[in-house]
N, C-alpha and C. Protein backbone atom coordinates (compact mmCIF):
# COMPACT_ATOMS: atom_id res chain seq x y z
N MET A 1 -1.00 44.08 22.15
CA MET A 1 -1.18 42.64 22.14
C MET A 1 -0.33 41.96 23.22
N ASP A 2 -0.03 42.66 24.28
CA ASP A 2 0.79 42.06 25.32
C ASP A 2 -0.04 41.39 26.41
N ARG A 3 -1.33 41.66 26.45
CA ARG A 3 -2.17 41.00 27.45
C ARG A 3 -2.42 39.57 27.03
N PHE A 4 -2.56 38.70 28.02
CA PHE A 4 -2.68 37.27 27.71
C PHE A 4 -3.98 36.95 26.98
N ASP A 5 -5.07 37.65 27.29
CA ASP A 5 -6.33 37.33 26.62
C ASP A 5 -6.28 37.65 25.13
N CYS A 6 -5.42 38.55 24.74
CA CYS A 6 -5.26 38.85 23.31
C CYS A 6 -4.52 37.74 22.58
N GLN A 7 -3.78 36.93 23.32
CA GLN A 7 -3.06 35.83 22.69
C GLN A 7 -4.02 34.83 22.05
N TYR A 8 -5.18 34.64 22.66
CA TYR A 8 -6.18 33.74 22.06
C TYR A 8 -6.64 34.28 20.71
N LEU A 9 -6.89 35.57 20.65
CA LEU A 9 -7.31 36.20 19.41
C LEU A 9 -6.22 36.08 18.35
N MET A 10 -4.99 36.36 18.73
CA MET A 10 -3.88 36.30 17.77
C MET A 10 -3.60 34.87 17.33
N ALA A 11 -3.71 33.91 18.24
CA ALA A 11 -3.49 32.52 17.87
C ALA A 11 -4.54 32.06 16.86
N THR A 12 -5.78 32.47 17.06
CA THR A 12 -6.83 32.12 16.12
C THR A 12 -6.56 32.75 14.76
N PHE A 13 -6.19 34.02 14.74
CA PHE A 13 -5.89 34.71 13.49
C PHE A 13 -4.72 34.04 12.77
N VAL A 14 -3.66 33.72 13.49
CA VAL A 14 -2.49 33.11 12.87
C VAL A 14 -2.85 31.74 12.30
N ASN A 15 -3.65 30.97 13.01
CA ASN A 15 -4.06 29.66 12.53
C ASN A 15 -4.86 29.77 11.23
N VAL A 16 -5.81 30.69 11.20
CA VAL A 16 -6.61 30.89 9.99
C VAL A 16 -5.74 31.41 8.85
N TYR A 17 -4.83 32.31 9.15
CA TYR A 17 -3.95 32.86 8.12
C TYR A 17 -3.07 31.78 7.51
N ILE A 18 -2.46 30.97 8.35
CA ILE A 18 -1.59 29.90 7.84
C ILE A 18 -2.39 28.89 7.02
N ALA A 19 -3.56 28.50 7.52
CA ALA A 19 -4.38 27.52 6.81
C ALA A 19 -4.89 28.08 5.49
N SER A 20 -5.13 29.38 5.41
CA SER A 20 -5.71 29.97 4.21
C SER A 20 -4.68 30.39 3.18
N PHE A 21 -3.57 30.97 3.62
CA PHE A 21 -2.65 31.59 2.68
C PHE A 21 -1.29 30.90 2.57
N ILE A 22 -0.83 30.28 3.61
CA ILE A 22 0.52 29.70 3.59
C ILE A 22 0.49 28.30 3.00
N ARG A 23 -0.33 27.44 3.58
CA ARG A 23 -0.44 26.07 3.07
C ARG A 23 -1.30 26.07 1.83
N GLY A 24 -0.78 25.47 0.76
CA GLY A 24 -1.56 25.37 -0.47
C GLY A 24 -2.55 24.22 -0.38
N PRO A 25 -3.45 24.15 -1.35
CA PRO A 25 -4.41 23.05 -1.35
C PRO A 25 -3.69 21.72 -1.53
N ASN A 26 -4.14 20.74 -0.80
CA ASN A 26 -3.52 19.42 -0.82
C ASN A 26 -4.56 18.43 -1.35
N PRO A 27 -4.28 17.76 -2.47
CA PRO A 27 -5.27 16.84 -3.05
C PRO A 27 -5.71 15.74 -2.09
N SER A 28 -4.82 15.23 -1.27
CA SER A 28 -5.22 14.16 -0.35
C SER A 28 -6.20 14.67 0.70
N LYS A 29 -6.03 15.92 1.15
CA LYS A 29 -6.99 16.48 2.11
C LYS A 29 -8.34 16.72 1.45
N VAL A 30 -8.33 17.12 0.19
CA VAL A 30 -9.60 17.32 -0.53
C VAL A 30 -10.33 15.99 -0.63
N ILE A 31 -9.61 14.94 -0.97
CA ILE A 31 -10.23 13.60 -1.07
C ILE A 31 -10.78 13.18 0.28
N GLN A 32 -10.04 13.40 1.36
CA GLN A 32 -10.52 13.05 2.69
C GLN A 32 -11.81 13.79 3.02
N GLN A 33 -11.88 15.06 2.68
CA GLN A 33 -13.08 15.85 2.95
C GLN A 33 -14.25 15.38 2.09
N LEU A 34 -13.97 14.97 0.85
CA LEU A 34 -15.04 14.48 -0.01
C LEU A 34 -15.62 13.16 0.52
N LEU A 35 -14.78 12.32 1.06
CA LEU A 35 -15.24 11.02 1.56
C LEU A 35 -16.10 11.14 2.81
N VAL A 36 -16.04 12.27 3.47
CA VAL A 36 -16.87 12.50 4.66
C VAL A 36 -18.30 12.87 4.26
N LEU A 37 -18.47 13.39 3.05
CA LEU A 37 -19.79 13.83 2.60
C LEU A 37 -20.73 12.64 2.41
N ARG A 38 -22.04 12.96 2.37
CA ARG A 38 -23.04 11.94 2.07
C ARG A 38 -22.86 11.49 0.62
N ILE A 39 -23.38 10.30 0.31
CA ILE A 39 -23.23 9.72 -1.03
C ILE A 39 -23.86 10.63 -2.09
N ASP A 40 -25.04 11.19 -1.82
CA ASP A 40 -25.67 12.06 -2.82
C ASP A 40 -24.83 13.31 -3.08
N GLN A 41 -24.17 13.83 -2.05
CA GLN A 41 -23.30 14.98 -2.23
C GLN A 41 -22.05 14.60 -3.03
N GLN A 42 -21.51 13.40 -2.76
CA GLN A 42 -20.36 12.93 -3.51
C GLN A 42 -20.71 12.75 -4.98
N LEU A 43 -21.89 12.19 -5.26
CA LEU A 43 -22.32 12.00 -6.64
C LEU A 43 -22.53 13.32 -7.35
N HIS A 44 -23.06 14.30 -6.65
CA HIS A 44 -23.24 15.62 -7.25
C HIS A 44 -21.89 16.23 -7.63
N ILE A 45 -20.92 16.13 -6.75
CA ILE A 45 -19.58 16.66 -7.04
C ILE A 45 -18.95 15.90 -8.19
N PHE A 46 -19.11 14.57 -8.19
CA PHE A 46 -18.57 13.74 -9.28
C PHE A 46 -19.17 14.14 -10.62
N ASN A 47 -20.49 14.28 -10.67
CA ASN A 47 -21.15 14.63 -11.93
C ASN A 47 -20.77 16.03 -12.39
N SER A 48 -20.62 16.96 -11.46
CA SER A 48 -20.19 18.31 -11.82
C SER A 48 -18.77 18.31 -12.36
N LEU A 49 -17.88 17.58 -11.72
CA LEU A 49 -16.49 17.49 -12.17
C LEU A 49 -16.41 16.79 -13.52
N LYS A 50 -17.17 15.73 -13.68
CA LYS A 50 -17.19 15.00 -14.96
C LYS A 50 -17.68 15.90 -16.09
N ALA A 51 -18.76 16.65 -15.85
CA ALA A 51 -19.28 17.56 -16.87
C ALA A 51 -18.26 18.65 -17.21
N HIS A 52 -17.59 19.17 -16.20
CA HIS A 52 -16.59 20.21 -16.44
C HIS A 52 -15.42 19.66 -17.25
N LEU A 53 -14.93 18.47 -16.90
CA LEU A 53 -13.80 17.89 -17.63
C LEU A 53 -14.18 17.49 -19.05
N THR A 54 -15.42 17.05 -19.24
CA THR A 54 -15.89 16.73 -20.59
C THR A 54 -15.99 18.00 -21.43
N GLU A 55 -16.50 19.06 -20.82
CA GLU A 55 -16.63 20.34 -21.52
C GLU A 55 -15.27 20.89 -21.93
N LYS A 56 -14.27 20.71 -21.08
CA LYS A 56 -12.92 21.21 -21.38
C LYS A 56 -12.17 20.29 -22.34
N GLY A 57 -12.70 19.09 -22.62
CA GLY A 57 -12.06 18.18 -23.56
C GLY A 57 -11.08 17.21 -22.93
N PHE A 58 -11.04 17.14 -21.61
CA PHE A 58 -10.13 16.22 -20.95
C PHE A 58 -10.71 14.81 -20.85
N LEU A 59 -12.03 14.69 -20.94
CA LEU A 59 -12.71 13.39 -20.94
C LEU A 59 -13.53 13.29 -22.22
N PRO A 60 -13.61 12.09 -22.81
CA PRO A 60 -14.47 11.96 -24.00
C PRO A 60 -15.94 12.04 -23.61
N ALA A 61 -16.74 12.54 -24.53
CA ALA A 61 -18.18 12.62 -24.31
C ALA A 61 -18.76 11.22 -24.31
N LEU A 62 -19.91 11.03 -23.71
CA LEU A 62 -20.57 9.73 -23.62
C LEU A 62 -20.84 9.17 -25.01
N GLU A 63 -21.21 10.03 -25.97
CA GLU A 63 -21.47 9.58 -27.32
C GLU A 63 -20.22 9.00 -27.96
N ASP A 64 -19.06 9.58 -27.67
CA ASP A 64 -17.80 9.10 -28.23
C ASP A 64 -17.42 7.75 -27.64
N VAL A 65 -17.75 7.50 -26.41
CA VAL A 65 -17.40 6.24 -25.74
C VAL A 65 -18.28 5.11 -26.28
N MET A 66 -19.56 5.40 -26.53
CA MET A 66 -20.49 4.38 -27.00
C MET A 66 -20.25 4.01 -28.45
N ALA A 67 -19.62 4.87 -29.23
CA ALA A 67 -19.42 4.61 -30.67
C ALA A 67 -18.28 3.66 -30.91
């Protein structure tokens, strides 16, 4: 890896490695990425997350809210 052209390969690998394994997920970056999506994609993610949280018991079911 002493040739200069290999430095590009190693720099790319190191960047991917750091982004994937060293830095943990950051909620603010996730929100930024979600806001870039189209509205229908955002709604799909919202409904999926809402259904998951309702299933796990973290959110009340719609029937419980209406009662």
